[in-house]
């Protein structure tokens, strides 16, 4: 199945503004993130912490909804879903 990716800020520099990823049917957000992380060690470090969990400063939106408000990394994906990646905005 084909998943559309939109990348913002530091993720855009590593992935490009928009791309598509082919995943097996029944894939989850965790599968997508792992697939993206195989592209470079730098990208892996931007997505996952040292224990292999998604970093707290990573926002993952699935069709406009934050993945933590769904099933987190276990959120199922479907053909044509759009996943956006962007860093948390902090500061004053």
Protein backbone atom coordinates (compact mmCIF):
# COMPACT_ATOMS: atom_id res chain seq x y z
CA UNK A 1 0.00 0.00 0.00
CA UNK A 2 1.15 3.53 -0.72
CA UNK A 3 1.46 6.06 2.14
CA UNK A 4 2.06 9.74 1.42
CA UNK A 5 4.64 11.48 3.61
CA UNK A 6 4.82 15.21 4.28
CA UNK A 7 7.95 16.34 6.07
CA UNK A 8 8.54 19.67 7.78
CA UNK A 9 11.51 21.50 9.33
CA UNK A 10 14.49 19.19 9.99
CA UNK A 11 12.65 16.19 8.54
CA UNK A 12 12.20 18.00 5.22
CA UNK A 13 15.95 18.36 4.89
CA UNK A 14 16.33 14.59 5.33
CA UNK A 15 13.26 13.35 3.43
CA UNK A 16 12.27 16.10 1.04
CA UNK A 17 9.00 18.02 1.24
CA UNK A 18 6.74 15.19 0.13
CA UNK A 19 7.30 11.58 -0.78
CA UNK A 20 5.58 8.24 -0.84
CA UNK A 21 6.45 4.98 0.88
CA UNK A 22 5.30 1.54 -0.16
CA UNK A 23 4.40 -0.66 2.82
CA UNK A 24 2.85 -4.09 3.20
CA UNK A 25 -0.89 -4.25 3.84
CA UNK A 26 -1.62 -4.17 7.55
CA UNK A 27 1.35 -1.91 8.36
CA UNK A 28 1.42 0.40 11.37
CA UNK A 29 2.94 3.82 12.06
CA UNK A 30 5.88 1.99 13.70
CA UNK A 31 6.54 0.15 10.40
CA UNK A 32 6.49 3.41 8.48
CA UNK A 33 8.86 5.14 10.90
CA UNK A 34 11.23 2.16 10.83
CA UNK A 35 11.16 2.19 7.04
CA UNK A 36 12.00 5.91 6.99
CA UNK A 37 14.76 5.45 9.57
CA UNK A 38 16.56 2.96 7.32
CA UNK A 39 17.33 5.82 4.92
CA UNK A 40 20.07 7.29 7.15
CA UNK A 41 21.53 7.13 10.64
CA UNK A 42 20.86 10.84 11.02
CA UNK A 43 17.18 10.33 10.30
CA UNK A 44 17.06 7.36 12.68
CA UNK A 45 18.45 9.59 15.43
CA UNK A 46 15.87 12.28 14.65
CA UNK A 47 12.97 9.82 14.96
CA UNK A 48 14.00 7.33 17.67
CA UNK A 49 15.65 7.77 21.06
CA UNK A 50 18.42 5.50 22.36
CA UNK A 51 15.92 2.90 23.57
CA UNK A 52 14.20 2.65 20.17
CA UNK A 53 11.08 4.61 21.14
CA UNK A 54 9.74 7.49 19.08
CA UNK A 55 11.34 10.65 20.46
CA UNK A 56 9.07 12.92 22.50
CA UNK A 57 9.88 15.88 20.25
CA UNK A 58 8.57 14.12 17.13
CA UNK A 59 5.04 14.91 16.02
CA UNK A 60 3.46 12.31 13.78
CA UNK A 61 0.10 13.17 12.25
CA UNK A 62 -1.97 10.52 10.49
CA UNK A 63 -4.59 12.13 8.27
CA UNK A 64 -4.49 15.24 10.44
CA UNK A 65 -4.67 13.46 13.82
CA UNK A 66 -1.75 13.12 16.21
CA UNK A 67 -0.71 9.49 16.39
CA UNK A 68 -0.72 9.53 20.21
CA UNK A 69 -4.44 10.38 20.15
CA UNK A 70 -4.93 7.25 18.05
CA UNK A 71 -2.97 4.09 18.94
CA UNK A 72 0.52 5.62 18.97
CA UNK A 73 3.08 3.56 17.06
CA UNK A 74 0.48 0.78 16.77
CA UNK A 75 -1.83 3.01 14.71
CA UNK A 76 -2.80 1.02 11.60
CA UNK A 77 -2.27 2.59 8.20
CA UNK A 78 -4.35 2.20 5.06
CA UNK A 79 -3.77 2.80 1.36
CA UNK A 80 -3.59 6.53 0.62
CA UNK A 81 -3.12 7.69 4.22
CA UNK A 82 -1.13 10.88 4.66
CA UNK A 83 1.46 11.01 7.43
CA UNK A 84 3.10 14.30 8.41
CA UNK A 85 6.32 14.53 10.43
CA UNK A 86 7.42 17.67 12.22
CA UNK A 87 9.35 18.58 15.35
CA UNK A 88 7.69 19.91 18.46
CA UNK A 89 7.64 23.69 18.63
CA UNK A 90 9.19 25.01 21.81
CA UNK A 91 10.34 28.36 23.04
CA UNK A 92 8.83 31.64 23.96
